[in-house]
Amino acid sequence: MNHTGIISHIEIYVSNLERTRLFWERLLVQDLGYKVYQEWRSGVSYILDKTYIVFVQSSKVDPKYDRTKTGLNHLAFMVTTNKQVDEIRSQLLAAKYKELYADRYPHAGGSDSYALYFEDPDRIKVEVVSDE
């Protein structure tokens, strides 16, 4: 299999690794099929197939992240069905994470999109979109 062009990894510096792990392990491991890949004192990574996502505790937590400024706006993850989007939404709401565009759920991305949007503990926007 040719892996040319596939993202190898994404590394994100975070303000609080413990809070970050609670959010991302729930989403990546429980809901999306990732596995914990590497763990060390100041970081953790999760892998699915050949792509892994790394979270590292930053020593420089100011200024706070702002997705509306230059840089990363959001990360989007695909699931197979609309039902999966609904289930993930229920779990994240029960855990008291901040949903974005709740008044337009599940079509905030447009009438042909079935997706949810949340913020992680550092306010990085996270999208989960159905392939159905």
N, C-alpha and C. Protein backbone atom coordinates (compact mmCIF):
# COMPACT_ATOMS: atom_id res chain seq x y z
N MET A 1 0.84 -1.19 0.00
CA MET A 1 0.00 0.00 0.00
C MET A 1 0.88 1.25 0.00
N ASN A 2 0.54 2.19 -0.82
CA ASN A 2 1.26 3.45 -0.91
C ASN A 2 0.72 4.42 0.13
N HIS A 3 1.59 4.90 1.01
CA HIS A 3 1.18 5.82 2.06
C HIS A 3 1.51 7.28 1.74
N THR A 4 1.92 7.55 0.52
CA THR A 4 2.25 8.91 0.13
C THR A 4 1.06 9.84 0.37
N GLY A 5 1.31 10.93 1.06
CA GLY A 5 0.27 11.93 1.28
C GLY A 5 -0.56 11.74 2.54
N ILE A 6 -0.52 10.56 3.13
CA ILE A 6 -1.27 10.33 4.37
C ILE A 6 -0.57 11.08 5.50
N ILE A 7 -1.34 11.71 6.35
CA ILE A 7 -0.74 12.41 7.49
C ILE A 7 -0.09 11.39 8.41
N SER A 8 1.17 11.61 8.73
CA SER A 8 1.90 10.74 9.65
C SER A 8 1.47 11.01 11.08
N HIS A 9 1.56 12.27 11.49
CA HIS A 9 1.16 12.62 12.85
C HIS A 9 0.87 14.11 12.96
N ILE A 10 0.15 14.44 14.00
CA ILE A 10 -0.17 15.82 14.36
C ILE A 10 0.25 15.98 15.81
N GLU A 11 0.96 17.04 16.14
CA GLU A 11 1.39 17.28 17.51
C GLU A 11 0.79 18.59 18.00
N ILE A 12 0.15 18.53 19.15
CA ILE A 12 -0.55 19.68 19.71
C ILE A 12 -0.04 19.93 21.13
N TYR A 13 0.39 21.14 21.40
CA TYR A 13 0.80 21.53 22.74
C TYR A 13 -0.44 21.98 23.51
N VAL A 14 -0.53 21.57 24.77
CA VAL A 14 -1.74 21.81 25.56
C VAL A 14 -1.39 22.49 26.88
N SER A 15 -2.40 23.13 27.47
CA SER A 15 -2.18 23.85 28.72
C SER A 15 -2.31 22.95 29.95
N ASN A 16 -3.04 21.84 29.84
CA ASN A 16 -3.25 20.94 30.97
C ASN A 16 -3.41 19.52 30.43
N LEU A 17 -2.35 18.75 30.50
CA LEU A 17 -2.34 17.41 29.91
C LEU A 17 -3.41 16.50 30.52
N GLU A 18 -3.63 16.59 31.81
CA GLU A 18 -4.63 15.73 32.46
C GLU A 18 -6.03 15.99 31.91
N ARG A 19 -6.43 17.25 31.82
CA ARG A 19 -7.75 17.58 31.25
C ARG A 19 -7.84 17.17 29.78
N THR A 20 -6.75 17.39 29.07
CA THR A 20 -6.70 17.03 27.66
C THR A 20 -6.90 15.53 27.48
N ARG A 21 -6.24 14.72 28.30
CA ARG A 21 -6.38 13.26 28.20
C ARG A 21 -7.81 12.83 28.46
N LEU A 22 -8.46 13.41 29.44
CA LEU A 22 -9.85 13.03 29.73
C LEU A 22 -10.74 13.24 28.51
N PHE A 23 -10.60 14.38 27.86
CA PHE A 23 -11.41 14.67 26.68
C PHE A 23 -11.05 13.76 25.52
N TRP A 24 -9.78 13.75 25.15
CA TRP A 24 -9.36 13.07 23.93
C TRP A 24 -9.42 11.55 24.03
N GLU A 25 -9.16 10.98 25.21
CA GLU A 25 -9.29 9.52 25.32
C GLU A 25 -10.73 9.10 25.18
N ARG A 26 -11.63 9.88 25.72
CA ARG A 26 -13.06 9.58 25.56
C ARG A 26 -13.40 9.55 24.07
N LEU A 27 -13.00 10.56 23.34
CA LEU A 27 -13.35 10.65 21.93
C LEU A 27 -12.54 9.67 21.07
N LEU A 28 -11.23 9.76 21.16
CA LEU A 28 -10.39 8.97 20.25
C LEU A 28 -10.44 7.47 20.55
N VAL A 29 -10.29 7.08 21.80
CA VAL A 29 -10.21 5.66 22.15
C VAL A 29 -11.60 5.04 22.24
N GLN A 30 -12.49 5.63 23.02
CA GLN A 30 -13.81 5.03 23.23
C GLN A 30 -14.69 5.10 21.99
N ASP A 31 -14.62 6.20 21.25
CA ASP A 31 -15.57 6.40 20.16
C ASP A 31 -15.01 6.18 18.76
N LEU A 32 -13.73 6.45 18.55
CA LEU A 32 -13.21 6.46 17.19
C LEU A 32 -12.22 5.34 16.88
N GLY A 33 -11.91 4.49 17.86
CA GLY A 33 -11.08 3.33 17.58
C GLY A 33 -9.58 3.52 17.65
N TYR A 34 -9.13 4.67 18.13
CA TYR A 34 -7.69 4.88 18.33
C TYR A 34 -7.23 4.05 19.53
N LYS A 35 -5.93 3.86 19.62
CA LYS A 35 -5.32 3.20 20.77
C LYS A 35 -4.26 4.14 21.34
N VAL A 36 -4.06 4.04 22.67
CA VAL A 36 -2.95 4.78 23.27
C VAL A 36 -1.67 4.22 22.64
N TYR A 37 -0.83 5.09 22.13
CA TYR A 37 0.36 4.68 21.39
C TYR A 37 1.63 4.86 22.21
N GLN A 38 1.83 6.05 22.75
CA GLN A 38 3.01 6.36 23.56
C GLN A 38 2.55 7.20 24.75
N GLU A 39 3.21 6.98 25.88
CA GLU A 39 2.94 7.78 27.08
C GLU A 39 4.28 8.14 27.73
N TRP A 40 4.41 9.37 28.15
CA TRP A 40 5.56 9.82 28.91
C TRP A 40 5.10 10.92 29.84
N ARG A 41 5.96 11.37 30.71
CA ARG A 41 5.58 12.31 31.76
C ARG A 41 4.86 13.54 31.24
N SER A 42 5.29 14.08 30.11
CA SER A 42 4.70 15.33 29.63
C SER A 42 3.90 15.16 28.35
N GLY A 43 3.51 13.92 28.02
CA GLY A 43 2.75 13.75 26.79
C GLY A 43 2.12 12.38 26.62
N VAL A 44 1.30 12.31 25.60
CA VAL A 44 0.62 11.06 25.24
C VAL A 44 0.30 11.12 23.75
N SER A 45 0.26 9.95 23.11
CA SER A 45 -0.16 9.93 21.72
C SER A 45 -1.15 8.79 21.51
N TYR A 46 -1.98 8.95 20.48
CA TYR A 46 -3.02 7.99 20.12
C TYR A 46 -2.85 7.66 18.64
N ILE A 47 -3.02 6.38 18.29
CA ILE A 47 -2.78 5.96 16.91
C ILE A 47 -3.99 5.23 16.33
N LEU A 48 -4.23 5.46 15.05
CA LEU A 48 -5.23 4.73 14.27
C LEU A 48 -4.58 4.46 12.91
N ASP A 49 -4.43 3.19 12.58
CA ASP A 49 -3.71 2.80 11.37
C ASP A 49 -2.30 3.38 11.43
N LYS A 50 -1.93 4.21 10.49
CA LYS A 50 -0.57 4.76 10.45
C LYS A 50 -0.49 6.20 10.97
N THR A 51 -1.62 6.78 11.34
CA THR A 51 -1.64 8.18 11.77
C THR A 51 -1.76 8.27 13.28
N TYR A 52 -0.95 9.12 13.89
CA TYR A 52 -1.07 9.30 15.33
C TYR A 52 -1.15 10.79 15.68
N ILE A 53 -1.80 11.04 16.81
CA ILE A 53 -1.99 12.40 17.32
C ILE A 53 -1.29 12.48 18.66
N VAL A 54 -0.47 13.51 18.82
CA VAL A 54 0.35 13.69 20.01
C VAL A 54 -0.12 14.92 20.77
N PHE A 55 -0.23 14.80 22.09
CA PHE A 55 -0.54 15.94 22.97
C PHE A 55 0.61 16.08 23.96
N VAL A 56 1.16 17.28 24.04
CA VAL A 56 2.31 17.54 24.90
C VAL A 56 1.99 18.71 25.81
N GLN A 57 2.32 18.55 27.10
CA GLN A 57 2.15 19.64 28.06
C GLN A 57 3.08 20.78 27.69
N SER A 58 2.53 21.96 27.47
CA SER A 58 3.33 23.13 27.13
C SER A 58 3.83 23.81 28.39
N SER A 59 5.03 24.34 28.33
CA SER A 59 5.54 25.15 29.44
C SER A 59 5.18 26.62 29.24
N LYS A 60 4.64 26.94 28.06
CA LYS A 60 4.27 28.32 27.74
C LYS A 60 2.78 28.35 27.43
N VAL A 61 1.95 28.58 28.44
CA VAL A 61 0.50 28.48 28.25
C VAL A 61 -0.17 29.82 27.93
N ASP A 62 0.60 30.89 27.86
CA ASP A 62 0.05 32.18 27.46
C ASP A 62 0.76 32.65 26.20
N PRO A 63 0.08 33.28 25.26
CA PRO A 63 -1.34 33.58 25.29
C PRO A 63 -2.17 32.32 25.02
N LYS A 64 -3.43 32.39 25.39
CA LYS A 64 -4.35 31.28 25.18
C LYS A 64 -4.58 31.06 23.69
N TYR A 65 -4.90 29.83 23.34
CA TYR A 65 -5.20 29.46 21.96
C TYR A 65 -6.46 30.17 21.49
N ASP A 66 -6.46 30.62 20.24
CA ASP A 66 -7.62 31.27 19.64
C ASP A 66 -7.77 30.75 18.22
N ARG A 67 -8.77 29.92 17.98
CA ARG A 67 -8.92 29.28 16.67
C ARG A 67 -9.31 30.26 15.57
N THR A 68 -9.70 31.49 15.94
CA THR A 68 -10.08 32.46 14.91
C THR A 68 -8.88 33.27 14.41
N LYS A 69 -7.73 33.07 15.02
CA LYS A 69 -6.51 33.74 14.56
C LYS A 69 -5.75 32.81 13.63
N THR A 70 -4.67 33.30 13.06
CA THR A 70 -3.86 32.50 12.16
C THR A 70 -3.44 31.20 12.85
N GLY A 71 -3.59 30.10 12.13
CA GLY A 71 -3.23 28.79 12.68
C GLY A 71 -4.38 27.81 12.56
N LEU A 72 -4.30 26.76 13.30
CA LEU A 72 -5.30 25.69 13.26
C LEU A 72 -6.68 26.20 13.65
N ASN A 73 -7.69 25.88 12.84
CA ASN A 73 -9.07 26.22 13.18
C ASN A 73 -9.76 25.05 13.86
N HIS A 74 -9.69 23.86 13.26
CA HIS A 74 -10.32 22.70 13.89
C HIS A 74 -9.80 21.40 13.33
N LEU A 75 -10.10 20.32 14.05
CA LEU A 75 -9.80 18.96 13.61
C LEU A 75 -11.13 18.27 13.36
N ALA A 76 -11.25 17.56 12.25
CA ALA A 76 -12.49 16.87 11.90
C ALA A 76 -12.23 15.38 11.77
N PHE A 77 -13.12 14.59 12.38
CA PHE A 77 -13.02 13.14 12.37
C PHE A 77 -14.28 12.56 11.76
N MET A 78 -14.13 11.54 10.94
CA MET A 78 -15.27 10.93 10.27
C MET A 78 -15.70 9.66 11.00
N VAL A 79 -17.02 9.46 11.07
CA VAL A 79 -17.61 8.21 11.53
C VAL A 79 -18.51 7.69 10.42
N THR A 80 -18.98 6.47 10.57
CA THR A 80 -19.73 5.82 9.50
C THR A 80 -21.19 6.23 9.44
N THR A 81 -21.82 6.44 10.61
CA THR A 81 -23.27 6.66 10.62
C THR A 81 -23.67 7.92 11.39
N ASN A 82 -24.86 8.40 11.09
CA ASN A 82 -25.45 9.52 11.84
C ASN A 82 -25.66 9.13 13.29
N LYS A 83 -26.03 7.88 13.53
CA LYS A 83 -26.26 7.40 14.90
C LYS A 83 -25.00 7.53 15.74
N GLN A 84 -23.84 7.26 15.15
CA GLN A 84 -22.59 7.42 15.88
C GLN A 84 -22.38 8.88 16.29
N VAL A 85 -22.68 9.80 15.40
CA VAL A 85 -22.57 11.23 15.73
C VAL A 85 -23.48 11.55 16.91
N ASP A 86 -24.72 11.07 16.86
CA ASP A 86 -25.67 11.31 17.95
C ASP A 86 -25.18 10.74 19.28
N GLU A 87 -24.63 9.53 19.24
CA GLU A 87 -24.14 8.89 20.47
C GLU A 87 -22.94 9.63 21.05
N ILE A 88 -22.03 10.04 20.20
CA ILE A 88 -20.87 10.80 20.68
C ILE A 88 -21.32 12.13 21.27
N ARG A 89 -22.27 12.76 20.63
CA ARG A 89 -22.81 14.02 21.15
C ARG A 89 -23.39 13.82 22.54
N SER A 90 -24.19 12.78 22.73
CA SER A 90 -24.80 12.51 24.04
C SER A 90 -23.74 12.32 25.11
N GLN A 91 -22.69 11.57 24.78
CA GLN A 91 -21.63 11.31 25.75
C GLN A 91 -20.86 12.58 26.11
N LEU A 92 -20.55 13.40 25.12
CA LEU A 92 -19.80 14.63 25.40
C LEU A 92 -20.65 15.63 26.18
N LEU A 93 -21.94 15.70 25.87
CA LEU A 93 -22.83 16.57 26.64
C LEU A 93 -22.94 16.09 28.08
N ALA A 94 -23.06 14.79 28.28
CA ALA A 94 -23.16 14.23 29.64
C ALA A 94 -21.89 14.53 30.44
N ALA A 95 -20.76 14.61 29.76
CA ALA A 95 -19.49 14.91 30.42
C ALA A 95 -19.27 16.42 30.57
N LYS A 96 -20.25 17.21 30.13
CA LYS A 96 -20.24 18.68 30.30
C LYS A 96 -19.22 19.40 29.43
N TYR A 97 -18.90 18.84 28.27
CA TYR A 97 -18.03 19.55 27.34
C TYR A 97 -18.86 20.54 26.54
N LYS A 98 -18.22 21.61 26.07
CA LYS A 98 -18.94 22.69 25.40
C LYS A 98 -19.21 22.36 23.94
N GLU A 99 -20.50 22.29 23.61
CA GLU A 99 -20.91 22.08 22.23
C GLU A 99 -20.97 23.43 21.52
N LEU A 100 -20.54 23.44 20.28
CA LEU A 100 -20.62 24.63 19.45
C LEU A 100 -21.77 24.47 18.46
N TYR A 101 -22.44 25.55 18.15
CA TYR A 101 -23.52 25.57 17.15
C TYR A 101 -24.66 24.60 17.49
N ALA A 102 -24.95 24.44 18.76
CA ALA A 102 -25.98 23.48 19.19
C ALA A 102 -27.34 23.80 18.57
N ASP A 103 -27.60 25.08 18.35
CA ASP A 103 -28.89 25.47 17.77
C ASP A 103 -29.04 25.03 16.32
N ARG A 104 -27.94 24.64 15.69
CA ARG A 104 -27.99 24.19 14.29
C ARG A 104 -27.64 22.71 14.13
N TYR A 105 -27.55 21.99 15.25
CA TYR A 105 -27.21 20.56 15.21
C TYR A 105 -28.32 19.80 14.50
N PRO A 106 -28.02 18.87 13.64
CA PRO A 106 -26.73 18.35 13.21
C PRO A 106 -26.25 18.93 11.88
N HIS A 107 -26.84 20.04 11.45
CA HIS A 107 -26.53 20.57 10.11
C HIS A 107 -25.79 21.91 10.15
N ALA A 108 -24.99 22.15 11.19
CA ALA A 108 -24.24 23.41 11.27
C ALA A 108 -23.24 23.55 10.13
N GLY A 109 -22.81 22.44 9.57
CA GLY A 109 -21.88 22.47 8.44
C GLY A 109 -22.57 22.56 7.09
N GLY A 110 -23.89 22.67 7.10
CA GLY A 110 -24.67 22.73 5.87
C GLY A 110 -25.72 21.64 5.83
N SER A 111 -26.70 21.81 4.97
CA SER A 111 -27.83 20.88 4.92
C SER A 111 -27.43 19.47 4.49
N ASP A 112 -26.31 19.34 3.79
CA ASP A 112 -25.87 18.02 3.35
C ASP A 112 -24.83 17.40 4.28
N SER A 113 -24.61 18.02 5.44
CA SER A 113 -23.63 17.53 6.41
C SER A 113 -24.33 17.14 7.71
N TYR A 114 -23.93 16.02 8.30
CA TYR A 114 -24.45 15.58 9.59
C TYR A 114 -23.25 15.53 10.53
N ALA A 115 -23.13 16.55 11.39
CA ALA A 115 -21.92 16.68 12.19
C ALA A 115 -22.20 17.36 13.52
N LEU A 116 -21.27 17.18 14.44
CA LEU A 116 -21.31 17.90 15.71
C LEU A 116 -19.98 18.60 15.89
N TYR A 117 -20.02 19.66 16.68
CA TYR A 117 -18.84 20.47 16.94
C TYR A 117 -18.74 20.71 18.45
N PHE A 118 -17.55 20.48 18.99
CA PHE A 118 -17.27 20.69 20.41
C PHE A 118 -15.95 21.42 20.54
N GLU A 119 -15.69 21.93 21.75
CA GLU A 119 -14.37 22.47 22.07
C GLU A 119 -13.67 21.51 23.02
N ASP A 120 -12.38 21.32 22.81
CA ASP A 120 -11.59 20.55 23.76
C ASP A 120 -11.22 21.50 24.91
N PRO A 121 -10.52 21.02 25.93
CA PRO A 121 -10.21 21.89 27.08
C PRO A 121 -9.42 23.15 26.74
N ASP A 122 -8.69 23.16 25.63
CA ASP A 122 -7.97 24.37 25.22
C ASP A 122 -8.71 25.16 24.16
N ARG A 123 -9.96 24.82 23.94
CA ARG A 123 -10.85 25.50 23.01
C ARG A 123 -10.54 25.20 21.54
N ILE A 124 -9.83 24.11 21.29
CA ILE A 124 -9.66 23.67 19.91
C ILE A 124 -10.99 23.09 19.45
N LYS A 125 -11.46 23.55 18.30
CA LYS A 125 -12.73 23.05 17.78
C LYS A 125 -12.53 21.65 17.22
N VAL A 126 -13.45 20.75 17.59
CA VAL A 126 -13.41 19.36 17.16
C VAL A 126 -14.73 19.05 16.47
N GLU A 127 -14.63 18.52 15.27
CA GLU A 127 -15.82 18.14 14.50
C GLU A 127 -15.86 16.63 14.36
N VAL A 128 -17.05 16.06 14.51
CA VAL A 128 -17.28 14.65 14.20
C VAL A 128 -18.38 14.63 13.15
N VAL A 129 -18.05 14.09 11.97
CA VAL A 129 -18.96 14.15 10.83
C VAL A 129 -19.27 12.74 10.33
N SER A 130 -20.52 12.54 9.95
CA SER A 130 -20.96 11.24 9.45
C SER A 130 -20.67 11.09 7.96
N ASP A 131 -20.31 9.89 7.57
CA ASP A 131 -20.10 9.55 6.16
C ASP A 131 -21.37 8.98 5.54
N GLU A 132 -22.43 8.89 6.32
CA GLU A 132 -23.69 8.30 5.85
C GLU A 132 -24.37 9.17 4.81
